[in-house]
């Protein structure tokens, strides 16, 4: 029995997902990889947005606090679409939390104190980077899958 507290199920094997897709095995792997990177970026942006939401201060606190709360909810809503798309084509989505850090492309902000102006500027840049990434994927070989995601 494992000492980590995790439940071990002896003899249980994961069944491969049963999916019908027009994509080749290599295409599924390519699309799944791109979707995992995208999903990791969205999760990082969500956590960063919520972090700034929790640590907002200053004259415009209420407006910025509400703005970041609403924006965080919109970002989080994307995660379901992205993960479901990967599973629909027979690929894998993110699994353990460490997958997020392994696939992330956005930088964390580990500063103790960040001004509201810097928070908003950093989030703006991150959102623009994510948007560029989405657009570049919709122009690539995986566009039939990526085009189904909201941009």
Foldseek 3Di string as FASTA:
>chain_A
DDPPPDDDDPPDDDDQDDADDPDDPVLLVVLQLLLQLLLLLLVLLLVLLVVCLVVADDDCNVVSNVVSVVVSVVSVVLNVLSQVLSVNRRHHHDDDPVSSVVNYDQDHDPDPDDYPVRSVVSSVVSVVVSVVSLVVCCVDPNVVSSVVGDD
